[in-house]
C-alpha atoms as a PDB file:
ATOM      1  CA  MET A   1      -4.214 -11.551 -12.490  1.00  0.00           C
ATOM      2  CA  THR A   2      -6.572  -8.615 -12.900  1.00  0.00           C
ATOM      3  CA  THR A   3      -6.201  -5.309 -11.087  1.00  0.00           C
ATOM      4  CA  TYR A   4      -9.265  -3.431  -9.849  1.00  0.00           C
ATOM      5  CA  GLY A   5     -10.320  -0.457  -7.764  1.00  0.00           C
ATOM      6  CA  THR A   6     -13.770   0.117  -6.235  1.00  0.00           C
ATOM      7  CA  ILE A   7     -15.396   2.114  -3.442  1.00  0.00           C
ATOM      8  CA  LEU A   8     -18.027   0.562  -1.151  1.00  0.00           C
ATOM      9  CA  ILE A   9     -20.505   3.156   0.118  1.00  0.00           C
ATOM     10  CA  PRO A  10     -23.113   2.463   2.861  1.00  0.00           C
ATOM     11  CA  VAL A  11     -25.813   4.447   1.080  1.00  0.00           C
ATOM     12  CA  PRO A  12     -28.377   3.259  -1.523  1.00  0.00           C
ATOM     13  CA  LEU A  13     -27.405   3.975  -5.116  1.00  0.00           C
ATOM     14  CA  GLU A  14     -30.211   6.452  -5.766  1.00  0.00           C
ATOM     15  CA  GLN A  15     -29.077   8.537  -2.779  1.00  0.00           C
ATOM     16  CA  ALA A  16     -25.371   8.426  -3.657  1.00  0.00           C
ATOM     17  CA  ALA A  17     -25.695   8.962  -7.417  1.00  0.00           C
ATOM     18  CA  PRO A  18     -25.895  12.798  -7.417  1.00  0.00           C
ATOM     19  CA  VAL A  19     -22.689  13.073  -5.385  1.00  0.00           C
ATOM     20  CA  LEU A  20     -20.906  10.442  -7.459  1.00  0.00           C
ATOM     21  CA  ARG A  21     -21.845  12.270 -10.658  1.00  0.00           C
ATOM     22  CA  GLU A  22     -20.400  15.461  -9.212  1.00  0.00           C
ATOM     23  CA  VAL A  23     -17.161  13.980  -7.838  1.00  0.00           C
ATOM     24  CA  CYS A  24     -16.191  11.235 -10.301  1.00  0.00           C
ATOM     25  CA  THR A  25     -14.738  12.380 -13.634  1.00  0.00           C
ATOM     26  CA  ALA A  26     -15.486   9.066 -15.340  1.00  0.00           C
ATOM     27  CA  GLY A  27     -16.779   5.739 -14.124  1.00  0.00           C
ATOM     28  CA  TYR A  28     -19.811   3.675 -13.203  1.00  0.00           C
ATOM     29  CA  ALA A  29     -21.843   3.085 -10.066  1.00  0.00           C
ATOM     30  CA  THR A  30     -23.852  -0.031  -9.214  1.00  0.00           C
ATOM     31  CA  PRO A  31     -26.138  -1.152  -6.373  1.00  0.00           C
ATOM     32  CA  ALA A  32     -24.650  -3.422  -3.728  1.00  0.00           C
ATOM     33  CA  GLY A  33     -27.734  -4.562  -1.898  1.00  0.00           C
ATOM     34  CA  PRO A  34     -30.512  -2.388  -0.453  1.00  0.00           C
ATOM     35  CA  ARG A  35     -28.259  -0.267   1.791  1.00  0.00           C
ATOM     36  CA  PHE A  36     -24.973  -0.085  -0.141  1.00  0.00           C
ATOM     37  CA  CYS A  37     -23.634   0.877  -3.528  1.00  0.00           C
ATOM     38  CA  LEU A  38     -20.314   0.668  -5.363  1.00  0.00           C
ATOM     39  CA  ALA A  39     -18.343   3.191  -7.373  1.00  0.00           C
ATOM     40  CA  HIS A  40     -16.123   1.904 -10.191  1.00  0.00           C
ATOM     41  CA  PRO A  41     -14.013   4.912 -11.268  1.00  0.00           C
ATOM     42  CA  ASP A  42     -11.788   5.017 -14.345  1.00  0.00           C
ATOM     43  CA  ARG A  43      -8.415   4.842 -12.585  1.00  0.00           C
ATOM     44  CA  PHE A  44      -6.541   5.929 -15.707  1.00  0.00           C
ATOM     45  CA  VAL A  45      -7.971   9.453 -15.450  1.00  0.00           C
ATOM     46  CA  ASP A  46      -5.774  11.772 -13.365  1.00  0.00           C
ATOM     47  CA  GLY A  47      -7.134  12.347  -9.873  1.00  0.00           C
ATOM     48  CA  ASN A  48      -9.879   9.777 -10.379  1.00  0.00           C
ATOM     49  CA  GLY A  49      -8.477   6.796  -8.475  1.00  0.00           C
ATOM     50  CA  VAL A  50     -10.336   5.239  -5.574  1.00  0.00           C
ATOM     51  CA  PHE A  51      -8.130   6.779  -2.890  1.00  0.00           C
ATOM     52  CA  ALA A  52      -8.417  10.252  -4.428  1.00  0.00           C
ATOM     53  CA  LEU A  53     -12.220  10.047  -4.617  1.00  0.00           C
ATOM     54  CA  ALA A  54     -12.925   8.398  -1.263  1.00  0.00           C
ATOM     55  CA  GLY A  55     -12.353  11.581   0.738  1.00  0.00           C
ATOM     56  CA  PRO A  56     -14.690  13.852  -1.234  1.00  0.00           C
ATOM     57  CA  ILE A  57     -17.376  11.154  -1.416  1.00  0.00           C
ATOM     58  CA  SER A  58     -17.286  10.570   2.351  1.00  0.00           C
ATOM     59  CA  ALA A  59     -17.422  14.310   3.020  1.00  0.00           C
ATOM     60  CA  GLU A  60     -20.312  15.005   0.642  1.00  0.00           C
ATOM     61  CA  LEU A  61     -22.416  12.026   1.743  1.00  0.00           C
ATOM     62  CA  GLY A  62     -21.565  12.263   5.442  1.00  0.00           C
ATOM     63  CA  VAL A  63     -20.841   8.531   5.722  1.00  0.00           C
ATOM     64  CA  PRO A  64     -17.656   6.453   5.918  1.00  0.00           C
ATOM     65  CA  VAL A  65     -16.578   4.811   2.669  1.00  0.00           C
ATOM     66  CA  LEU A  66     -14.284   1.867   1.971  1.00  0.00           C
ATOM     67  CA  ALA A  67     -11.898   2.234  -0.961  1.00  0.00           C
ATOM     68  CA  ALA A  68     -10.275  -0.968  -2.240  1.00  0.00           C
ATOM     69  CA  PHE A  69      -7.422  -1.398  -4.682  1.00  0.00           C
ATOM     70  CA  GLN A  70      -6.206  -4.880  -5.582  1.00  0.00           C
ATOM     71  CA  TYR A  71      -3.024  -5.084  -7.612  1.00  0.00           C
ATOM     72  CA  ASP A  72      -2.333  -7.994  -9.942  1.00  0.00           C
ATOM     73  CA  GLY A  73      -3.478 -10.673  -7.489  1.00  0.00           C
ATOM     74  CA  ASP A  74      -0.605  -9.844  -5.126  1.00  0.00           C
ATOM     75  CA  ARG A  75      -1.633  -6.961  -2.928  1.00  0.00           C
ATOM     76  CA  LEU A  76      -4.835  -5.575  -1.410  1.00  0.00           C
ATOM     77  CA  GLU A  77      -5.022  -2.021  -0.097  1.00  0.00           C
ATOM     78  CA  LEU A  78      -8.088  -0.827   1.817  1.00  0.00           C
ATOM     79  CA  GLU A  79      -8.717   2.679   3.083  1.00  0.00           C
ATOM     80  CA  VAL A  80     -11.570   3.868   5.306  1.00  0.00           C
ATOM     81  CA  TRP A  81     -12.433   7.547   4.854  1.00  0.00           C
ATOM     82  CA  ARG A  82     -14.691   9.608   7.149  1.00  0.00           C
ATOM     83  CA  ASP A  83     -15.724  13.225   6.646  1.00  0.00           C
ATOM     84  CA  GLY A  84     -13.062  13.716   4.012  1.00  0.00           C
ATOM     85  CA  VAL A  85     -10.213  12.337   6.152  1.00  0.00           C
ATOM     86  CA  ARG A  86      -8.525   8.961   5.921  1.00  0.00           C
ATOM     87  CA  ALA A  87      -9.364   7.137   9.154  1.00  0.00           C
ATOM     88  CA  HIS A  88      -7.670   3.798   8.530  1.00  0.00           C
ATOM     89  CA  ARG A  89      -5.365   2.140   6.027  1.00  0.00           C
ATOM     90  CA  TYR A  90      -4.812  -1.583   5.444  1.00  0.00           C
ATOM     91  CA  ASP A  91      -2.099  -3.035   3.219  1.00  0.00           C
ATOM     92  CA  SER A  92      -1.793  -6.801   2.815  1.00  0.00           C
ATOM     93  CA  TRP A  93       1.807  -6.533   1.566  1.00  0.00           C
ATOM     94  CA  PRO A  94       3.300  -3.163   2.561  1.00  0.00           C
ATOM     95  CA  ASP A  95       6.874  -4.223   1.816  1.00  0.00           C
ATOM     96  CA  ARG A  96       6.140  -5.857  -1.533  1.00  0.00           C
ATOM     97  CA  ASP A  97       9.278  -4.404  -3.137  1.00  0.00           C
ATOM     98  CA  ASP A  98      11.612  -5.229  -0.236  1.00  0.00           C
ATOM     99  CA  GLU A  99      12.540  -8.918  -0.221  1.00  0.00           C
ATOM    100  CA  SER A 100      14.227  -8.671   3.177  1.00  0.00           C
ATOM    101  CA  ALA A 101      11.282  -7.028   4.942  1.00  0.00           C
ATOM    102  CA  ASN A 102       8.602  -8.546   7.151  1.00  0.00           C
ATOM    103  CA  ASP A 103       5.582  -9.555   5.039  1.00  0.00           C
ATOM    104  CA  ALA A 104       3.039  -8.923   7.814  1.00  0.00           C
ATOM    105  CA  PRO A 105      -0.002  -6.857   6.765  1.00  0.00           C
ATOM    106  CA  LEU A 106      -0.347  -3.270   7.950  1.00  0.00           C
ATOM    107  CA  GLY A 107      -3.537  -2.111   9.664  1.00  0.00           C
ATOM    108  CA  ALA A 108      -5.118  -5.523  10.311  1.00  0.00           C
ATOM    109  CA  ASP A 109      -7.718  -4.151  12.740  1.00  0.00           C
ATOM    110  CA  PRO A 110     -11.140  -5.768  12.283  1.00  0.00           C
ATOM    111  CA  ALA A 111     -12.909  -2.991  14.205  1.00  0.00           C
ATOM    112  CA  ALA A 112     -11.969  -0.486  11.499  1.00  0.00           C
ATOM    113  CA  PHE A 113     -14.272  -2.213   9.005  1.00  0.00           C
ATOM    114  CA  LEU A 114     -17.402  -2.859  11.059  1.00  0.00           C
ATOM    115  CA  ASP A 115     -19.291   0.116   9.608  1.00  0.00           C
ATOM    116  CA  PHE A 116     -19.387  -1.774   6.318  1.00  0.00           C
ATOM    117  CA  ALA A 117     -21.191  -4.845   7.631  1.00  0.00           C
ATOM    118  CA  THR A 118     -24.619  -5.573   6.222  1.00  0.00           C
ATOM    119  CA  GLY A 119     -25.496  -8.240   8.783  1.00  0.00           C
ATOM    120  CA  PRO A 120     -23.867 -10.376  11.494  1.00  0.00           C
ATOM    121  CA  VAL A 121     -20.066 -10.204  11.384  1.00  0.00           C
ATOM    122  CA  ASP A 122     -17.980 -13.373  11.233  1.00  0.00           C
ATOM    123  CA  SER A 123     -15.273 -12.024  13.537  1.00  0.00           C
ATOM    124  CA  HIS A 124     -12.980 -15.016  13.138  1.00  0.00           C
ATOM    125  CA  ARG A 125     -13.046 -14.915   9.341  1.00  0.00           C
ATOM    126  CA  LEU A 126     -12.561 -11.144   9.289  1.00  0.00           C
ATOM    127  CA  ALA A 127      -9.566 -11.211  11.625  1.00  0.00           C
ATOM    128  CA  SER A 128      -8.029 -14.177   9.796  1.00  0.00           C
ATOM    129  CA  ALA A 129      -8.443 -12.543   6.388  1.00  0.00           C
ATOM    130  CA  LEU A 130      -6.900  -9.253   7.491  1.00  0.00           C
ATOM    131  CA  ALA A 131      -4.004 -11.187   9.023  1.00  0.00           C
ATOM    132  CA  ASP A 132      -3.483 -12.849   5.610  1.00  0.00           C
ATOM    133  CA  THR A 133      -4.315 -16.229   7.125  1.00  0.00           C
ATOM    134  CA  PRO A 134      -6.866 -18.020   4.920  1.00  0.00           C
ATOM    135  CA  ILE A 135      -9.365 -20.321   6.589  1.00  0.00           C
ATOM    136  CA  ASP A 136     -10.404 -22.231   3.471  1.00  0.00           C
ATOM    137  CA  ALA A 137      -7.962 -24.721   1.982  1.00  0.00           C
ATOM    138  CA  GLU A 138      -8.560 -23.592  -1.606  1.00  0.00           C
ATOM    139  CA  ASP A 139      -7.173 -20.142  -0.736  1.00  0.00           C
ATOM    140  CA  MET A 140      -3.924 -21.524   0.700  1.00  0.00           C
ATOM    141  CA  ASP A 141      -0.679 -21.821  -1.229  1.00  0.00           C
ATOM    142  CA  VAL A 142      -0.149 -25.376  -2.482  1.00  0.00           C
ATOM    143  CA  ASP A 143       3.563 -25.096  -1.657  1.00  0.00           C
ATOM    144  CA  GLY A 144       2.833 -24.359   1.964  1.00  0.00           C
ATOM    145  CA  GLU A 145       3.736 -20.678   1.828  1.00  0.00           C
ATOM    146  CA  PRO A 146       1.782 -18.550   4.323  1.00  0.00           C
ATOM    147  CA  GLY A 147      -0.925 -16.184   3.189  1.00  0.00           C
ATOM    148  CA  TYR A 148      -3.518 -16.122   0.433  1.00  0.00           C
ATOM    149  CA  VAL A 149      -2.577 -17.258  -3.058  1.00  0.00           C
ATOM    150  CA  TRP A 150      -4.574 -14.354  -4.525  1.00  0.00           C
ATOM    151  CA  ALA A 151      -5.302 -10.966  -2.959  1.00  0.00           C
ATOM    152  CA  GLN A 152      -8.813 -10.936  -4.400  1.00  0.00           C
ATOM    153  CA  SER A 153      -9.593 -14.000  -2.257  1.00  0.00           C
ATOM    154  CA  LEU A 154      -8.512 -12.020   0.792  1.00  0.00           C
ATOM    155  CA  HIS A 155     -10.831  -9.198  -0.293  1.00  0.00           C
ATOM    156  CA  TRP A 156     -13.622 -11.727  -0.843  1.00  0.00           C
ATOM    157  CA  ASP A 157     -13.238 -13.073   2.691  1.00  0.00           C
ATOM    158  CA  VAL A 158     -13.250  -9.583   4.227  1.00  0.00           C
ATOM    159  CA  LEU A 159     -16.559  -8.753   2.538  1.00  0.00           C
ATOM    160  CA  ARG A 160     -17.973 -12.213   3.198  1.00  0.00           C
ATOM    161  CA  ALA A 161     -17.163 -11.805   6.900  1.00  0.00           C
ATOM    162  CA  LEU A 162     -19.148  -8.548   6.789  1.00  0.00           C
ATOM    163  CA  SER A 163     -22.189 -10.500   5.487  1.00  0.00           C
ATOM    164  CA  HIS A 164     -22.156  -9.244   1.900  1.00  0.00           C
ATOM    165  CA  PRO A 165     -23.662 -11.782  -0.541  1.00  0.00           C
ATOM    166  CA  ASP A 166     -21.619 -13.339  -3.330  1.00  0.00           C
ATOM    167  CA  GLN A 167     -23.267 -11.178  -5.996  1.00  0.00           C
ATOM    168  CA  VAL A 168     -22.156  -7.997  -4.239  1.00  0.00           C
ATOM    169  CA  ILE A 169     -18.638  -9.293  -3.629  1.00  0.00           C
ATOM    170  CA  ARG A 170     -18.270 -10.069  -7.328  1.00  0.00           C
ATOM    171  CA  ARG A 171     -19.345  -6.516  -8.151  1.00  0.00           C
ATOM    172  CA  ALA A 172     -16.851  -5.159  -5.624  1.00  0.00           C
ATOM    173  CA  GLN A 173     -14.150  -6.744  -7.787  1.00  0.00           C
ATOM    174  CA  TRP A 174     -15.326  -5.243 -11.089  1.00  0.00           C
ATOM    175  CA  ASP A 175     -12.894  -2.677 -12.400  1.00  0.00           C
ATOM    176  CA  TYR A 176     -14.131   0.081 -14.711  1.00  0.00           C
ATOM    177  CA  CYS A 177     -11.891  -1.299 -17.462  1.00  0.00           C
ATOM    178  CA  HIS A 178     -13.420  -4.769 -17.142  1.00  0.00           C
ATOM    179  CA  MET A 179     -16.914  -3.324 -17.354  1.00  0.00           C
ATOM    180  CA  CYS A 180     -16.106  -1.345 -20.500  1.00  0.00           C
ATOM    181  CA  GLY A 181     -14.513  -4.375 -22.116  1.00  0.00           C
ATOM    182  CA  ALA A 182     -17.388  -6.804 -21.587  1.00  0.00           C
ATOM    183  CA  PRO A 183     -20.645  -4.932 -22.261  1.00  0.00           C
ATOM    184  CA  GLN A 184     -22.636  -8.033 -23.190  1.00  0.00           C
ATOM    185  CA  ALA A 185     -21.652  -9.895 -20.036  1.00  0.00           C
ATOM    186  CA  LEU A 186     -22.385  -6.778 -18.011  1.00  0.00           C
ATOM    187  CA  ALA A 187     -25.853  -6.443 -19.532  1.00  0.00           C
ATOM    188  CA  GLU A 188     -26.623 -10.050 -18.577  1.00  0.00           C
ATOM    189  CA  VAL A 189     -26.150  -9.359 -14.864  1.00  0.00           C
ATOM    190  CA  LEU A 190     -27.256  -5.723 -14.604  1.00  0.00           C
ATOM    191  CA  GLY A 191     -30.541  -4.120 -15.557  1.00  0.00           C
ATOM    192  CA  SER A 192     -30.455  -0.777 -17.333  1.00  0.00           C
ATOM    193  CA  THR A 193     -31.555   0.988 -14.149  1.00  0.00           C
ATOM    194  CA  GLU A 194     -28.826  -0.673 -12.073  1.00  0.00           C
ATOM    195  CA  LEU A 195     -25.938   1.027 -13.862  1.00  0.00           C
ATOM    196  CA  VAL A 196     -25.284   4.719 -13.297  1.00  0.00           C
ATOM    197  CA  VAL A 197     -22.867   6.312 -15.760  1.00  0.00           C
ATOM    198  CA  LEU A 198     -20.560   8.905 -14.211  1.00  0.00           C
ATOM    199  CA  GLY A 199     -18.870  11.829 -15.911  1.00  0.00           C
ATOM    200  CA  THR A 200     -17.466  11.259 -19.375  1.00  0.00           C
ATOM    201  CA  ALA A 201     -17.848   7.472 -19.342  1.00  0.00           C
ATOM    202  CA  ASP A 202     -19.782   5.866 -22.197  1.00  0.00           C
ATOM    203  CA  ARG A 203     -22.811   3.701 -21.455  1.00  0.00           C
ATOM    204  CA  PRO A 204     -21.659   0.123 -22.188  1.00  0.00           C
ATOM    205  CA  PHE A 205     -25.134  -1.226 -23.043  1.00  0.00           C
END
């Protein structure tokens, strides 16, 4: 499955863009509704990953930011940064490399994510998602194993519980590499004014 890293920022794109241009070496930024935007940094550039950028972005903008990194469909890591300091960390599978360890998520505290809601919060869905306990049958393992089949479904449910629309959740799962590799598809869903190019990145369309 695909790997991606994005940063959800509770500031409109036009307000965040100057800071993102200054902080991000290479990447893109997109709107995520009227009050939010997303940064899609090129994670293959040294020091340009989502967790490295989240601190400076939060400090410069004066707002909390939510950095997400989903690895290969298996693991979702979320970090909340405030004023340049990491305030909370969530890991859906902290002991991924230890077969004998407890598979319980780390940092499954719904209250840590409430600043990123864009409307009424579905508290039950949020708590269930963070606990790696899917509500919807299609997200459950067909063999009866506990937890989500795919980590991106867990991420989807977290953002859905925070009232983000489907269009925004899809964007929150766009990696910079995916965007570079599919310029035509990207142009079909984004207007030219909706994509901000950061640093040394090339404009895809």
